Amino acid sequence: MSVTLETLKHTAELARLDLSLLPTEEQHRLAEQMSRILAFVDQLSEVDVEGEEPMTHPIALPTALAADVAVATPGAAAMLANAPARSGDEIVVPRVIDGGGEGG
């Protein structure tokens, strides 16, 4: 797969990266590197995995699960006391996604 400059910029935007400060040559270099990475990953589809069990770790490890026991919680007031900013019973967080419409 060949990554175009347009695809690179779109991917960077989705990752909230600003490539506008990079020289055009550097942007082209990044697009080429991304193309090589995706070509390498694409090679994995050629590997025959028929009959192989999926795994989450190369070494079989026991699952460490905590006991499912109900415990008392500190309560909303105690939890909200740790919030850096709040409005009533809600934690105030900075906007990170542009609404793109009216009121957003």
Protein backbone atom coordinates (compact mmCIF):
# COMPACT_ATOMS: atom_id res chain seq x y z
CA MET A 1 0.00 0.00 0.00
CA SER A 2 1.35 3.37 -0.98
CA VAL A 3 0.56 6.11 1.51
CA THR A 4 -0.15 9.43 -0.15
CA LEU A 5 0.60 12.77 1.43
CA GLU A 6 -3.16 13.29 1.74
CA THR A 7 -3.55 9.99 3.63
CA LEU A 8 -0.62 10.87 5.89
CA LYS A 9 -2.12 14.27 6.73
CA HIS A 10 -5.55 12.73 7.39
CA THR A 11 -4.04 10.08 9.67
CA ALA A 12 -2.04 12.74 11.49
CA GLU A 13 -5.19 14.81 11.95
CA LEU A 14 -7.02 11.81 13.43
CA ALA A 15 -4.10 11.36 15.83
CA ARG A 16 -4.21 15.09 16.59
CA LEU A 17 -0.72 15.63 15.20
CA ASP A 18 0.18 18.86 13.41
CA LEU A 19 2.40 18.15 10.42
CA SER A 20 2.16 21.70 9.07
CA LEU A 21 5.38 22.68 10.82
CA LEU A 22 7.35 19.97 9.01
CA PRO A 23 9.02 20.71 5.69
CA THR A 24 7.36 19.09 2.67
CA GLU A 25 10.37 16.81 2.17
CA GLU A 26 9.97 15.50 5.72
CA GLN A 27 6.26 14.87 5.15
CA HIS A 28 7.08 12.89 2.00
CA ARG A 29 9.71 10.91 3.95
CA LEU A 30 7.13 10.08 6.63
CA ALA A 31 4.63 8.95 3.96
CA GLU A 32 7.30 6.66 2.46
CA GLN A 33 8.16 5.23 5.89
CA MET A 34 4.49 4.62 6.61
CA SER A 35 4.16 2.85 3.25
CA ARG A 36 7.09 0.56 4.10
CA ILE A 37 5.64 -0.21 7.54
CA LEU A 38 2.23 -1.08 6.07
CA ALA A 39 3.89 -3.24 3.39
CA PHE A 40 5.72 -5.15 6.11
CA VAL A 41 2.52 -5.62 8.11
CA ASP A 42 0.75 -6.75 4.93
CA GLN A 43 3.29 -9.60 4.67
CA LEU A 44 1.76 -11.06 7.83
CA SER A 45 -1.40 -11.90 5.88
CA GLU A 46 0.69 -14.37 3.86
CA VAL A 47 1.58 -16.43 6.93
CA ASP A 48 -0.33 -19.71 7.16
CA VAL A 49 -1.91 -19.77 10.62
CA GLU A 50 -4.38 -22.57 9.91
CA GLY A 51 -4.74 -24.70 13.03
CA GLU A 52 -2.80 -22.28 15.23
CA GLU A 53 -4.48 -21.22 18.45
CA PRO A 54 -4.70 -17.46 19.02
CA MET A 55 -2.66 -16.21 21.94
CA THR A 56 -2.41 -13.05 23.96
CA HIS A 57 1.11 -13.71 25.23
CA PRO A 58 3.93 -15.97 24.03
CA ILE A 59 4.22 -17.55 27.48
CA ALA A 60 1.22 -19.19 29.10
CA LEU A 61 0.55 -17.15 32.22
CA PRO A 62 -2.18 -17.72 34.77
CA THR A 63 -4.88 -15.09 34.79
CA ALA A 64 -4.66 -13.04 37.95
CA LEU A 65 -8.24 -12.25 38.83
CA ALA A 66 -9.37 -10.46 41.93
CA ALA A 67 -12.20 -11.93 43.93
CA ASP A 68 -15.59 -10.59 42.90
CA VAL A 69 -16.57 -9.16 46.27
CA ALA A 70 -18.83 -6.16 46.85
CA VAL A 71 -17.17 -3.42 48.88
CA ALA A 72 -18.41 -0.06 50.12
CA THR A 73 -17.38 2.90 47.97
CA PRO A 74 -16.30 6.24 49.41
CA GLY A 75 -19.33 8.00 47.90
CA ALA A 76 -19.77 10.72 45.29
CA ALA A 77 -18.69 13.61 47.54
CA ALA A 78 -15.37 11.96 48.39
CA MET A 79 -14.76 11.08 44.74
CA LEU A 80 -15.58 14.59 43.53
CA ALA A 81 -13.28 16.10 46.17
CA ASN A 82 -10.35 14.77 44.07
CA ALA A 83 -11.57 16.38 40.83
CA PRO A 84 -9.47 19.33 39.64
CA ALA A 85 -12.63 21.15 38.48
CA ARG A 86 -16.30 20.41 38.96
CA SER A 87 -19.74 21.81 38.33
CA GLY A 88 -22.27 20.57 40.84
CA ASP A 89 -22.02 16.78 40.85
CA GLU A 90 -20.07 16.61 37.58
CA ILE A 91 -16.37 16.69 36.79
CA VAL A 92 -15.42 19.45 34.33
CA VAL A 93 -12.99 18.35 31.60
CA PRO A 94 -11.53 20.33 28.70
CA ARG A 95 -13.19 19.93 25.29
CA VAL A 96 -11.06 17.71 23.05
CA ILE A 97 -13.45 17.00 20.19
CA ASP A 98 -14.91 19.71 18.02
CA GLY A 99 -18.67 19.27 17.80
CA GLY A 100 -18.67 20.41 14.20
CA GLY A 101 -22.24 21.67 14.40
CA GLU A 102 -24.39 24.21 16.09
CA GLY A 103 -23.76 24.51 19.80
CA GLY A 104 -20.57 22.43 19.47
